[in-house]
Amino acid sequence: IEAAGHLVIFYPVYHCKLNFIEYYWGRAKLYTCAHCEYLFPALVHTVPEALVQMSDRLIFKYYQRVLQMMDAYQNNLVYSSKDFKRHVFTYYSLHRCIPESAHNVT
């Protein structure tokens, strides 16, 4: 194929954890389950309401989480390992400094 001048690019297999819109949809489904009688007219009303009730900040958090996961994979961290969890799920309470414990994490 390459001899014929074509380029072969292999992309990673799709995974819902790497697509922040899946988190958005999941949250919308959770809201819909809690606020709907499961009749079609009620769903027509509740689904748009579920989409609107999410804040921009929450959507941005989902986006940031996906970026952190992608970064962890690029650093060859194995999913659900201690290093992966530390890389993806570490939160800092101070915005001006990083704690000493984070300085040696690779």
PDB file of N, CA and C in Angstrom:
ATOM      1  N   ILE A   1       0.835  -1.190   0.000  1.00  0.00           N
ATOM      2  CA  ILE A   1       0.000   0.000   0.000  1.00  0.00           C
ATOM      3  C   ILE A   1       0.879   1.252   0.000  1.00  0.00           C
ATOM      4  N   GLU A   2       1.882   1.279   0.883  1.00  0.00           N
ATOM      5  CA  GLU A   2       2.758   2.450   0.948  1.00  0.00           C
ATOM      6  C   GLU A   2       3.581   2.599  -0.325  1.00  0.00           C
ATOM      7  N   ALA A   3       3.937   1.469  -0.965  1.00  0.00           N
ATOM      8  CA  ALA A   3       4.691   1.522  -2.216  1.00  0.00           C
ATOM      9  C   ALA A   3       3.882   2.201  -3.315  1.00  0.00           C
ATOM     10  N   ALA A   4       2.564   2.109  -3.215  1.00  0.00           N
ATOM     11  CA  ALA A   4       1.690   2.747  -4.192  1.00  0.00           C
ATOM     12  C   ALA A   4       1.461   4.221  -3.874  1.00  0.00           C
ATOM     13  N   GLY A   5       2.078   4.701  -2.786  1.00  0.00           N
ATOM     14  CA  GLY A   5       1.948   6.112  -2.452  1.00  0.00           C
ATOM     15  C   GLY A   5       0.848   6.427  -1.452  1.00  0.00           C
ATOM     16  N   HIS A   6       0.252   5.397  -0.878  1.00  0.00           N
ATOM     17  CA  HIS A   6      -0.804   5.614   0.109  1.00  0.00           C
ATOM     18  C   HIS A   6      -0.213   5.597   1.513  1.00  0.00           C
ATOM     19  N   LEU A   7      -0.843   6.288   2.394  1.00  0.00           N
ATOM     20  CA  LEU A   7      -0.396   6.344   3.778  1.00  0.00           C
ATOM     21  C   LEU A   7      -1.388   5.582   4.649  1.00  0.00           C
ATOM     22  N   VAL A   8      -0.899   4.692   5.484  1.00  0.00           N
ATOM     23  CA  VAL A   8      -1.747   3.924   6.393  1.00  0.00           C
ATOM     24  C   VAL A   8      -1.569   4.493   7.792  1.00  0.00           C
ATOM     25  N   ILE A   9      -2.666   4.943   8.376  1.00  0.00           N
ATOM     26  CA  ILE A   9      -2.631   5.496   9.729  1.00  0.00           C
ATOM     27  C   ILE A   9      -3.591   4.687  10.588  1.00  0.00           C
ATOM     28  N   PHE A  10      -3.086   4.124  11.665  1.00  0.00           N
ATOM     29  CA  PHE A  10      -3.928   3.380  12.595  1.00  0.00           C
ATOM     30  C   PHE A  10      -4.282   4.282  13.769  1.00  0.00           C
ATOM     31  N   TYR A  11      -5.568   4.486  13.971  1.00  0.00           N
ATOM     32  CA  TYR A  11      -6.045   5.269  15.100  1.00  0.00           C
ATOM     33  C   TYR A  11      -6.440   4.323  16.226  1.00  0.00           C
ATOM     34  N   PRO A  12      -6.444   4.812  17.470  1.00  0.00           N
ATOM     35  CA  PRO A  12      -6.844   3.932  18.568  1.00  0.00           C
ATOM     36  C   PRO A  12      -8.301   3.513  18.422  1.00  0.00           C
ATOM     37  N   VAL A  13      -8.594   2.354  18.945  1.00  0.00           N
ATOM     38  CA  VAL A  13      -9.966   1.859  18.922  1.00  0.00           C
ATOM     39  C   VAL A  13     -10.832   2.832  19.718  1.00  0.00           C
ATOM     40  N   TYR A  14     -12.015   3.105  19.205  1.00  0.00           N
ATOM     41  CA  TYR A  14     -12.918   4.033  19.877  1.00  0.00           C
ATOM     42  C   TYR A  14     -13.262   3.511  21.266  1.00  0.00           C
ATOM     43  N   HIS A  15     -13.257   4.395  22.225  1.00  0.00           N
ATOM     44  CA  HIS A  15     -13.679   4.038  23.567  1.00  0.00           C
ATOM     45  C   HIS A  15     -14.455   5.207  24.158  1.00  0.00           C
ATOM     46  N   CYS A  16     -15.581   4.920  24.777  1.00  0.00           N
ATOM     47  CA  CYS A  16     -16.448   5.982  25.294  1.00  0.00           C
ATOM     48  C   CYS A  16     -15.765   6.832  26.362  1.00  0.00           C
ATOM     49  N   LYS A  17     -14.783   6.297  27.073  1.00  0.00           N
ATOM     50  CA  LYS A  17     -14.079   7.069  28.097  1.00  0.00           C
ATOM     51  C   LYS A  17     -13.240   8.187  27.480  1.00  0.00           C
ATOM     52  N   LEU A  18     -12.983   8.118  26.180  1.00  0.00           N
ATOM     53  CA  LEU A  18     -12.168   9.128  25.516  1.00  0.00           C
ATOM     54  C   LEU A  18     -13.005  10.104  24.693  1.00  0.00           C
ATOM     55  N   ASN A  19     -14.296  10.154  24.967  1.00  0.00           N
ATOM     56  CA  ASN A  19     -15.180  11.059  24.257  1.00  0.00           C
ATOM     57  C   ASN A  19     -16.055  11.766  25.289  1.00  0.00           C
ATOM     58  N   PHE A  20     -15.791  13.046  25.519  1.00  0.00           N
ATOM     59  CA  PHE A  20     -16.487  13.732  26.605  1.00  0.00           C
ATOM     60  C   PHE A  20     -17.981  13.868  26.365  1.00  0.00           C
ATOM     61  N   ILE A  21     -18.423  13.784  25.119  1.00  0.00           N
ATOM     62  CA  ILE A  21     -19.856  13.886  24.850  1.00  0.00           C
ATOM     63  C   ILE A  21     -20.605  12.702  25.458  1.00  0.00           C
ATOM     64  N   GLU A  22     -19.923  11.575  25.637  1.00  0.00           N
ATOM     65  CA  GLU A  22     -20.550  10.414  26.276  1.00  0.00           C
ATOM     66  C   GLU A  22     -20.866  10.697  27.743  1.00  0.00           C
ATOM     67  N   TYR A  23     -20.004  11.461  28.410  1.00  0.00           N
ATOM     68  CA  TYR A  23     -20.283  11.852  29.795  1.00  0.00           C
ATOM     69  C   TYR A  23     -21.501  12.770  29.840  1.00  0.00           C
ATOM     70  N   TYR A  24     -21.576  13.679  28.874  1.00  0.00           N
ATOM     71  CA  TYR A  24     -22.704  14.605  28.764  1.00  0.00           C
ATOM     72  C   TYR A  24     -24.007  13.831  28.569  1.00  0.00           C
ATOM     73  N   TRP A  25     -23.999  12.882  27.629  1.00  0.00           N
ATOM     74  CA  TRP A  25     -25.188  12.070  27.375  1.00  0.00           C
ATOM     75  C   TRP A  25     -25.546  11.226  28.592  1.00  0.00           C
ATOM     76  N   GLY A  26     -24.549  10.675  29.247  1.00  0.00           N
ATOM     77  CA  GLY A  26     -24.808   9.865  30.440  1.00  0.00           C
ATOM     78  C   GLY A  26     -25.488  10.675  31.528  1.00  0.00           C
ATOM     79  N   ARG A  27     -25.037  11.904  31.728  1.00  0.00           N
ATOM     80  CA  ARG A  27     -25.646  12.771  32.736  1.00  0.00           C
ATOM     81  C   ARG A  27     -27.073  13.134  32.329  1.00  0.00           C
ATOM     82  N   ALA A  28     -27.288  13.373  31.031  1.00  0.00           N
ATOM     83  CA  ALA A  28     -28.636  13.683  30.548  1.00  0.00           C
ATOM     84  C   ALA A  28     -29.575  12.493  30.751  1.00  0.00           C
ATOM     85  N   LYS A  29     -29.073  11.280  30.509  1.00  0.00           N
ATOM     86  CA  LYS A  29     -29.906  10.084  30.724  1.00  0.00           C
ATOM     87  C   LYS A  29     -30.235   9.902  32.198  1.00  0.00           C
ATOM     88  N   LEU A  30     -29.285  10.191  33.066  1.00  0.00           N
ATOM     89  CA  LEU A  30     -29.520  10.094  34.503  1.00  0.00           C
ATOM     90  C   LEU A  30     -30.623  11.061  34.932  1.00  0.00           C
ATOM     91  N   TYR A  31     -30.553  12.291  34.441  1.00  0.00           N
ATOM     92  CA  TYR A  31     -31.579  13.290  34.738  1.00  0.00           C
ATOM     93  C   TYR A  31     -32.936  12.837  34.208  1.00  0.00           C
ATOM     94  N   THR A  32     -32.950  12.324  32.984  1.00  0.00           N
ATOM     95  CA  THR A  32     -34.198  11.877  32.370  1.00  0.00           C
ATOM     96  C   THR A  32     -34.826  10.737  33.162  1.00  0.00           C
ATOM     97  N   CYS A  33     -34.011   9.791  33.611  1.00  0.00           N
ATOM     98  CA  CYS A  33     -34.531   8.675  34.421  1.00  0.00           C
ATOM     99  C   CYS A  33     -35.189   9.176  35.697  1.00  0.00           C
ATOM    100  N   ALA A  34     -34.623  10.201  36.294  1.00  0.00           N
ATOM    101  CA  ALA A  34     -35.132  10.703  37.566  1.00  0.00           C
ATOM    102  C   ALA A  34     -36.347  11.619  37.417  1.00  0.00           C
ATOM    103  N   HIS A  35     -36.572  12.173  36.225  1.00  0.00           N
ATOM    104  CA  HIS A  35     -37.617  13.191  36.058  1.00  0.00           C
ATOM    105  C   HIS A  35     -38.650  12.870  34.979  1.00  0.00           C
ATOM    106  N   CYS A  36     -38.838  11.628  34.629  1.00  0.00           N
ATOM    107  CA  CYS A  36     -39.744  11.317  33.519  1.00  0.00           C
ATOM    108  C   CYS A  36     -40.653  10.145  33.863  1.00  0.00           C
ATOM    109  N   GLU A  37     -41.880  10.167  33.323  1.00  0.00           N
ATOM    110  CA  GLU A  37     -42.828   9.066  33.523  1.00  0.00           C
ATOM    111  C   GLU A  37     -42.730   8.016  32.415  1.00  0.00           C
ATOM    112  N   TYR A  38     -41.856   8.188  31.481  1.00  0.00           N
ATOM    113  CA  TYR A  38     -41.633   7.267  30.367  1.00  0.00           C
ATOM    114  C   TYR A  38     -42.847   7.086  29.474  1.00  0.00           C
ATOM    115  N   LEU A  39     -43.521   8.169  29.237  1.00  0.00           N
ATOM    116  CA  LEU A  39     -44.502   8.263  28.174  1.00  0.00           C
ATOM    117  C   LEU A  39     -43.869   9.184  27.136  1.00  0.00           C
ATOM    118  N   PHE A  40     -44.146   8.944  25.872  1.00  0.00           N
ATOM    119  CA  PHE A  40     -43.463   9.700  24.827  1.00  0.00           C
ATOM    120  C   PHE A  40     -43.610  11.213  24.983  1.00  0.00           C
ATOM    121  N   PRO A  41     -44.815  11.727  25.254  1.00  0.00           N
ATOM    122  CA  PRO A  41     -44.920  13.186  25.427  1.00  0.00           C
ATOM    123  C   PRO A  41     -44.051  13.711  26.579  1.00  0.00           C
ATOM    124  N   ALA A  42     -43.927  12.927  27.628  1.00  0.00           N
ATOM    125  CA  ALA A  42     -43.081  13.343  28.755  1.00  0.00           C
ATOM    126  C   ALA A  42     -41.610  13.338  28.351  1.00  0.00           C
ATOM    127  N   LEU A  43     -41.192  12.346  27.567  1.00  0.00           N
ATOM    128  CA  LEU A  43     -39.805  12.300  27.092  1.00  0.00           C
ATOM    129  C   LEU A  43     -39.492  13.488  26.182  1.00  0.00           C
ATOM    130  N   VAL A  44     -40.439  13.841  25.321  1.00  0.00           N
ATOM    131  CA  VAL A  44     -40.247  14.982  24.422  1.00  0.00           C
ATOM    132  C   VAL A  44     -39.996  16.252  25.236  1.00  0.00           C
ATOM    133  N   HIS A  45     -40.619  16.346  26.389  1.00  0.00           N
ATOM    134  CA  HIS A  45     -40.425  17.515  27.251  1.00  0.00           C
ATOM    135  C   HIS A  45     -39.156  17.392  28.102  1.00  0.00           C
ATOM    136  N   THR A  46     -38.878  16.207  28.621  1.00  0.00           N
ATOM    137  CA  THR A  46     -37.808  16.026  29.605  1.00  0.00           C
ATOM    138  C   THR A  46     -36.410  15.993  28.990  1.00  0.00           C
ATOM    139  N   VAL A  47     -36.244  15.403  27.812  1.00  0.00           N
ATOM    140  CA  VAL A  47     -34.902  15.276  27.225  1.00  0.00           C
ATOM    141  C   VAL A  47     -34.268  16.644  26.950  1.00  0.00           C
ATOM    142  N   PRO A  48     -34.963  17.582  26.292  1.00  0.00           N
ATOM    143  CA  PRO A  48     -34.343  18.904  26.116  1.00  0.00           C
ATOM    144  C   PRO A  48     -34.054  19.600  27.452  1.00  0.00           C
ATOM    145  N   GLU A  49     -34.931  19.388  28.420  1.00  0.00           N
ATOM    146  CA  GLU A  49     -34.718  19.948  29.758  1.00  0.00           C
ATOM    147  C   GLU A  49     -33.444  19.374  30.386  1.00  0.00           C
ATOM    148  N   ALA A  50     -33.215  18.090  30.185  1.00  0.00           N
ATOM    149  CA  ALA A  50     -32.014  17.435  30.722  1.00  0.00           C
ATOM    150  C   ALA A  50     -30.749  18.012  30.092  1.00  0.00           C
ATOM    151  N   LEU A  51     -30.801  18.304  28.812  1.00  0.00           N
ATOM    152  CA  LEU A  51     -29.628  18.844  28.123  1.00  0.00           C
ATOM    153  C   LEU A  51     -29.325  20.274  28.556  1.00  0.00           C
ATOM    154  N   VAL A  52     -30.366  21.049  28.805  1.00  0.00           N
ATOM    155  CA  VAL A  52     -30.194  22.451  29.171  1.00  0.00           C
ATOM    156  C   VAL A  52     -29.738  22.610  30.622  1.00  0.00           C
ATOM    157  N   GLN A  53     -30.124  21.696  31.496  1.00  0.00           N
ATOM    158  CA  GLN A  53     -29.830  21.863  32.925  1.00  0.00           C
ATOM    159  C   GLN A  53     -28.357  21.706  33.271  1.00  0.00           C
ATOM    160  N   MET A  54     -27.548  21.175  32.356  1.00  0.00           N
ATOM    161  CA  MET A  54     -26.122  20.996  32.636  1.00  0.00           C
ATOM    162  C   MET A  54     -25.364  22.305  32.444  1.00  0.00           C
ATOM    163  N   SER A  55     -24.513  22.602  33.393  1.00  0.00           N
ATOM    164  CA  SER A  55     -23.753  23.854  33.322  1.00  0.00           C
ATOM    165  C   SER A  55     -22.568  23.710  32.361  1.00  0.00           C
ATOM    166  N   ASP A  56     -22.124  24.842  31.853  1.00  0.00           N
ATOM    167  CA  ASP A  56     -20.929  24.849  31.004  1.00  0.00           C
ATOM    168  C   ASP A  56     -19.715  24.358  31.783  1.00  0.00           C
ATOM    169  N   ARG A  57     -19.691  24.673  33.058  1.00  0.00           N
ATOM    170  CA  ARG A  57     -18.566  24.245  33.900  1.00  0.00           C
ATOM    171  C   ARG A  57     -18.487  22.717  33.988  1.00  0.00           C
ATOM    172  N   LEU A  58     -19.639  22.058  34.128  1.00  0.00           N
ATOM    173  CA  LEU A  58     -19.659  20.598  34.193  1.00  0.00           C
ATOM    174  C   LEU A  58     -19.190  19.992  32.868  1.00  0.00           C
ATOM    175  N   ILE A  59     -19.633  20.541  31.764  1.00  0.00           N
ATOM    176  CA  ILE A  59     -19.209  20.057  30.451  1.00  0.00           C
ATOM    177  C   ILE A  59     -17.700  20.230  30.297  1.00  0.00           C
ATOM    178  N   PHE A  60     -17.174  21.362  30.754  1.00  0.00           N
ATOM    179  CA  PHE A  60     -15.732  21.595  30.692  1.00  0.00           C
ATOM    180  C   PHE A  60     -14.974  20.591  31.561  1.00  0.00           C
ATOM    181  N   LYS A  61     -15.530  20.238  32.712  1.00  0.00           N
ATOM    182  CA  LYS A  61     -14.896  19.230  33.569  1.00  0.00           C
ATOM    183  C   LYS A  61     -14.827  17.883  32.856  1.00  0.00           C
ATOM    184  N   TYR A  62     -15.895  17.521  32.151  1.00  0.00           N
ATOM    185  CA  TYR A  62     -15.870  16.269  31.383  1.00  0.00           C
ATOM    186  C   TYR A  62     -14.773  16.325  30.323  1.00  0.00           C
ATOM    187  N   TYR A  63     -14.666  17.456  29.651  1.00  0.00           N
ATOM    188  CA  TYR A  63     -13.643  17.641  28.624  1.00  0.00           C
ATOM    189  C   TYR A  63     -12.243  17.516  29.222  1.00  0.00           C
ATOM    190  N   GLN A  64     -12.022  18.162  30.367  1.00  0.00           N
ATOM    191  CA  GLN A  64     -10.721  18.089  31.031  1.00  0.00           C
ATOM    192  C   GLN A  64     -10.385  16.656  31.442  1.00  0.00           C
ATOM    193  N   ARG A  65     -11.373  15.922  31.926  1.00  0.00           N
ATOM    194  CA  ARG A  65     -11.148  14.533  32.337  1.00  0.00           C
ATOM    195  C   ARG A  65     -10.684  13.695  31.147  1.00  0.00           C
ATOM    196  N   VAL A  66     -11.316  13.892  29.997  1.00  0.00           N
ATOM    197  CA  VAL A  66     -10.923  13.145  28.800  1.00  0.00           C
ATOM    198  C   VAL A  66      -9.493  13.504  28.396  1.00  0.00           C
ATOM    199  N   LEU A  67      -9.142  14.776  28.457  1.00  0.00           N
ATOM    200  CA  LEU A  67      -7.768  15.177  28.133  1.00  0.00           C
ATOM    201  C   LEU A  67      -6.772  14.534  29.088  1.00  0.00           C
ATOM    202  N   GLN A  68      -7.123  14.454  30.366  1.00  0.00           N
ATOM    203  CA  GLN A  68      -6.236  13.814  31.342  1.00  0.00           C
ATOM    204  C   GLN A  68      -6.068  12.330  31.032  1.00  0.00           C
ATOM    205  N   MET A  69      -7.163  11.670  30.629  1.00  0.00           N
ATOM    206  CA  MET A  69      -7.070  10.247  30.280  1.00  0.00           C
ATOM    207  C   MET A  69      -6.204  10.047  29.046  1.00  0.00           C
ATOM    208  N   MET A  70      -6.385  10.896  28.041  1.00  0.00           N
ATOM    209  CA  MET A  70      -5.562  10.783  26.837  1.00  0.00           C
ATOM    210  C   MET A  70      -4.086  10.977  27.174  1.00  0.00           C
ATOM    211  N   ASP A  71      -3.811  11.941  28.037  1.00  0.00           N
ATOM    212  CA  ASP A  71      -2.436  12.188  28.450  1.00  0.00           C
ATOM    213  C   ASP A  71      -1.866  10.980  29.192  1.00  0.00           C
ATOM    214  N   ALA A  72      -2.673  10.364  30.033  1.00  0.00           N
ATOM    215  CA  ALA A  72      -2.224   9.169  30.761  1.00  0.00           C
ATOM    216  C   ALA A  72      -1.892   8.043  29.787  1.00  0.00           C
ATOM    217  N   TYR A  73      -2.740   7.845  28.784  1.00  0.00           N
ATOM    218  CA  TYR A  73      -2.470   6.799  27.792  1.00  0.00           C
ATOM    219  C   TYR A  73      -1.210   7.120  26.984  1.00  0.00           C
ATOM    220  N   GLN A  74      -1.010   8.397  26.646  1.00  0.00           N
ATOM    221  CA  GLN A  74       0.196   8.779  25.908  1.00  0.00           C
ATOM    222  C   GLN A  74       1.458   8.550  26.729  1.00  0.00           C
ATOM    223  N   ASN A  75       1.316   8.565  28.049  1.00  0.00           N
ATOM    224  CA  ASN A  75       2.441   8.278  28.940  1.00  0.00           C
ATOM    225  C   ASN A  75       2.533   6.791  29.278  1.00  0.00           C
ATOM    226  N   ASN A  76       1.810   5.975  28.516  1.00  0.00           N
ATOM    227  CA  ASN A  76       1.828   4.511  28.667  1.00  0.00           C
ATOM    228  C   ASN A  76       1.397   4.028  30.046  1.00  0.00           C
ATOM    229  N   LEU A  77       0.476   4.736  30.674  1.00  0.00           N
ATOM    230  CA  LEU A  77      -0.069   4.282  31.949  1.00  0.00           C
ATOM    231  C   LEU A  77      -1.208   3.309  31.682  1.00  0.00           C
ATOM    232  N   VAL A  78      -1.278   2.268  32.456  1.00  0.00           N
ATOM    233  CA  VAL A  78      -2.287   1.224  32.274  1.00  0.00           C
ATOM    234  C   VAL A  78      -3.564   1.631  33.001  1.00  0.00           C
ATOM    235  N   TYR A  79      -4.697   1.483  32.307  1.00  0.00           N
ATOM    236  CA  TYR A  79      -5.990   1.858  32.876  1.00  0.00           C
ATOM    237  C   TYR A  79      -6.214   1.148  34.205  1.00  0.00           C
ATOM    238  N   SER A  80      -6.707   1.869  35.164  1.00  0.00           N
ATOM    239  CA  SER A  80      -7.032   1.436  36.530  1.00  0.00           C
ATOM    240  C   SER A  80      -5.810   1.097  37.387  1.00  0.00           C
ATOM    241  N   SER A  81      -4.606   1.345  36.877  1.00  0.00           N
ATOM    242  CA  SER A  81      -3.423   1.185  37.725  1.00  0.00           C
ATOM    243  C   SER A  81      -3.353   2.366  38.694  1.00  0.00           C
ATOM    244  N   LYS A  82      -2.555   2.226  39.713  1.00  0.00           N
ATOM    245  CA  LYS A  82      -2.417   3.288  40.711  1.00  0.00           C
ATOM    246  C   LYS A  82      -1.894   4.572  40.062  1.00  0.00           C
ATOM    247  N   ASP A  83      -0.918   4.444  39.169  1.00  0.00           N
ATOM    248  CA  ASP A  83      -0.367   5.620  38.490  1.00  0.00           C
ATOM    249  C   ASP A  83      -1.397   6.287  37.591  1.00  0.00           C
ATOM    250  N   PHE A  84      -2.199   5.473  36.897  1.00  0.00           N
ATOM    251  CA  PHE A  84      -3.243   6.013  36.030  1.00  0.00           C
ATOM    252  C   PHE A  84      -4.245   6.809  36.863  1.00  0.00           C
ATOM    253  N   LYS A  85      -4.700   6.218  37.954  1.00  0.00           N
ATOM    254  CA  LYS A  85      -5.680   6.901  38.808  1.00  0.00           C
ATOM    255  C   LYS A  85      -5.108   8.193  39.378  1.00  0.00           C
ATOM    256  N   ARG A  86      -3.852   8.159  39.785  1.00  0.00           N
ATOM    257  CA  ARG A  86      -3.215   9.361  40.323  1.00  0.00           C
ATOM    258  C   ARG A  86      -3.136  10.440  39.241  1.00  0.00           C
ATOM    259  N   HIS A  87      -2.817  10.037  38.031  1.00  0.00           N
ATOM    260  CA  HIS A  87      -2.671  10.990  36.925  1.00  0.00           C
ATOM    261  C   HIS A  87      -4.010  11.619  36.545  1.00  0.00           C
ATOM    262  N   VAL A  88      -5.057  10.809  36.507  1.00  0.00           N
ATOM    263  CA  VAL A  88      -6.346  11.280  36.011  1.00  0.00           C
ATOM    264  C   VAL A  88      -7.209  11.896  37.105  1.00  0.00           C
ATOM    265  N   PHE A  89      -7.173  11.339  38.294  1.00  0.00           N
ATOM    266  CA  PHE A  89      -8.132  11.732  39.322  1.00  0.00           C
ATOM    267  C   PHE A  89      -7.549  12.590  40.441  1.00  0.00           C
ATOM    268  N   THR A  90      -6.379  13.175  40.249  1.00  0.00           N
ATOM    269  CA  THR A  90      -5.793  14.034  41.274  1.00  0.00           C
ATOM    270  C   THR A  90      -6.354  15.444  41.137  1.00  0.00           C
ATOM    271  N   TYR A  91      -6.835  15.957  42.239  1.00  0.00           N
ATOM    272  CA  TYR A  91      -7.366  17.315  42.266  1.00  0.00           C
ATOM    273  C   TYR A  91      -6.496  18.163  43.182  1.00  0.00           C
ATOM    274  N   TYR A  92      -6.275  19.395  42.792  1.00  0.00           N
ATOM    275  CA  TYR A  92      -5.492  20.318  43.597  1.00  0.00           C
ATOM    276  C   TYR A  92      -6.422  21.389  44.148  1.00  0.00           C
ATOM    277  N   SER A  93      -6.315  21.646  45.431  1.00  0.00           N
ATOM    278  CA  SER A  93      -7.195  22.638  46.045  1.00  0.00           C
ATOM    279  C   SER A  93      -6.606  24.047  45.981  1.00  0.00           C
ATOM    280  N   LEU A  94      -5.317  24.148  45.788  1.00  0.00           N
ATOM    281  CA  LEU A  94      -4.673  25.456  45.683  1.00  0.00           C
ATOM    282  C   LEU A  94      -4.358  25.752  44.225  1.00  0.00           C
ATOM    283  N   HIS A  95      -4.719  26.917  43.765  1.00  0.00           N
ATOM    284  CA  HIS A  95      -4.495  27.236  42.359  1.00  0.00           C
ATOM    285  C   HIS A  95      -3.128  27.857  42.096  1.00  0.00           C
ATOM    286  N   ARG A  96      -2.387  28.202  43.125  1.00  0.00           N
ATOM    287  CA  ARG A  96      -1.098  28.859  42.921  1.00  0.00           C
ATOM    288  C   ARG A  96       0.103  27.956  43.109  1.00  0.00           C
ATOM    289  N   CYS A  97      -0.087  26.778  43.670  1.00  0.00           N
ATOM    290  CA  CYS A  97       1.066  25.905  43.877  1.00  0.00           C
ATOM    291  C   CYS A  97       0.666  24.439  43.746  1.00  0.00           C
ATOM    292  N   ILE A  98       1.634  23.645  43.415  1.00  0.00           N
ATOM    293  CA  ILE A  98       1.443  22.203  43.306  1.00  0.00           C
ATOM    294  C   ILE A  98       2.089  21.572  44.532  1.00  0.00           C
ATOM    295  N   PRO A  99       1.397  20.650  45.206  1.00  0.00           N
ATOM    296  CA  PRO A  99       1.969  20.059  46.414  1.00  0.00           C
ATOM    297  C   PRO A  99       3.237  19.264  46.131  1.00  0.00           C
ATOM    298  N   GLU A 100       4.079  19.130  47.141  1.00  0.00           N
ATOM    299  CA  GLU A 100       5.345  18.398  47.016  1.00  0.00           C
ATOM    300  C   GLU A 100       5.131  16.979  46.502  1.00  0.00           C
ATOM    301  N   SER A 101       4.032  16.347  46.916  1.00  0.00           N
ATOM    302  CA  SER A 101       3.790  14.954  46.524  1.00  0.00           C
ATOM    303  C   SER A 101       3.643  14.786  45.018  1.00  0.00           C
ATOM    304  N   ALA A 102       3.323  15.849  44.300  1.00  0.00           N
ATOM    305  CA  ALA A 102       3.124  15.757  42.854  1.00  0.00           C
ATOM    306  C   ALA A 102       4.393  16.037  42.064  1.00  0.00           C
ATOM    307  N   HIS A 103       5.441  16.482  42.707  1.00  0.00           N
ATOM    308  CA  HIS A 103       6.659  16.868  41.988  1.00  0.00           C
ATOM    309  C   HIS A 103       7.372  15.693  41.340  1.00  0.00           C
ATOM    310  N   ASN A 104       7.337  14.524  41.926  1.00  0.00           N
ATOM    311  CA  ASN A 104       8.093  13.386  41.407  1.00  0.00           C
ATOM    312  C   ASN A 104       7.245  12.411  40.603  1.00  0.00           C
ATOM    313  N   VAL A 105       6.002  12.737  40.336  1.00  0.00           N
ATOM    314  CA  VAL A 105       5.126  11.859  39.568  1.00  0.00           C
ATOM    315  C   VAL A 105       5.476  11.985  38.098  1.00  0.00           C
ATOM    316  N   THR A 106       5.666  10.850  37.428  1.00  0.00           N
ATOM    317  CA  THR A 106       5.990  10.886  35.997  1.00  0.00           C
ATOM    318  C   THR A 106       4.835  10.409  35.178  1.00  0.00           C
TER     319      THR A 106
END
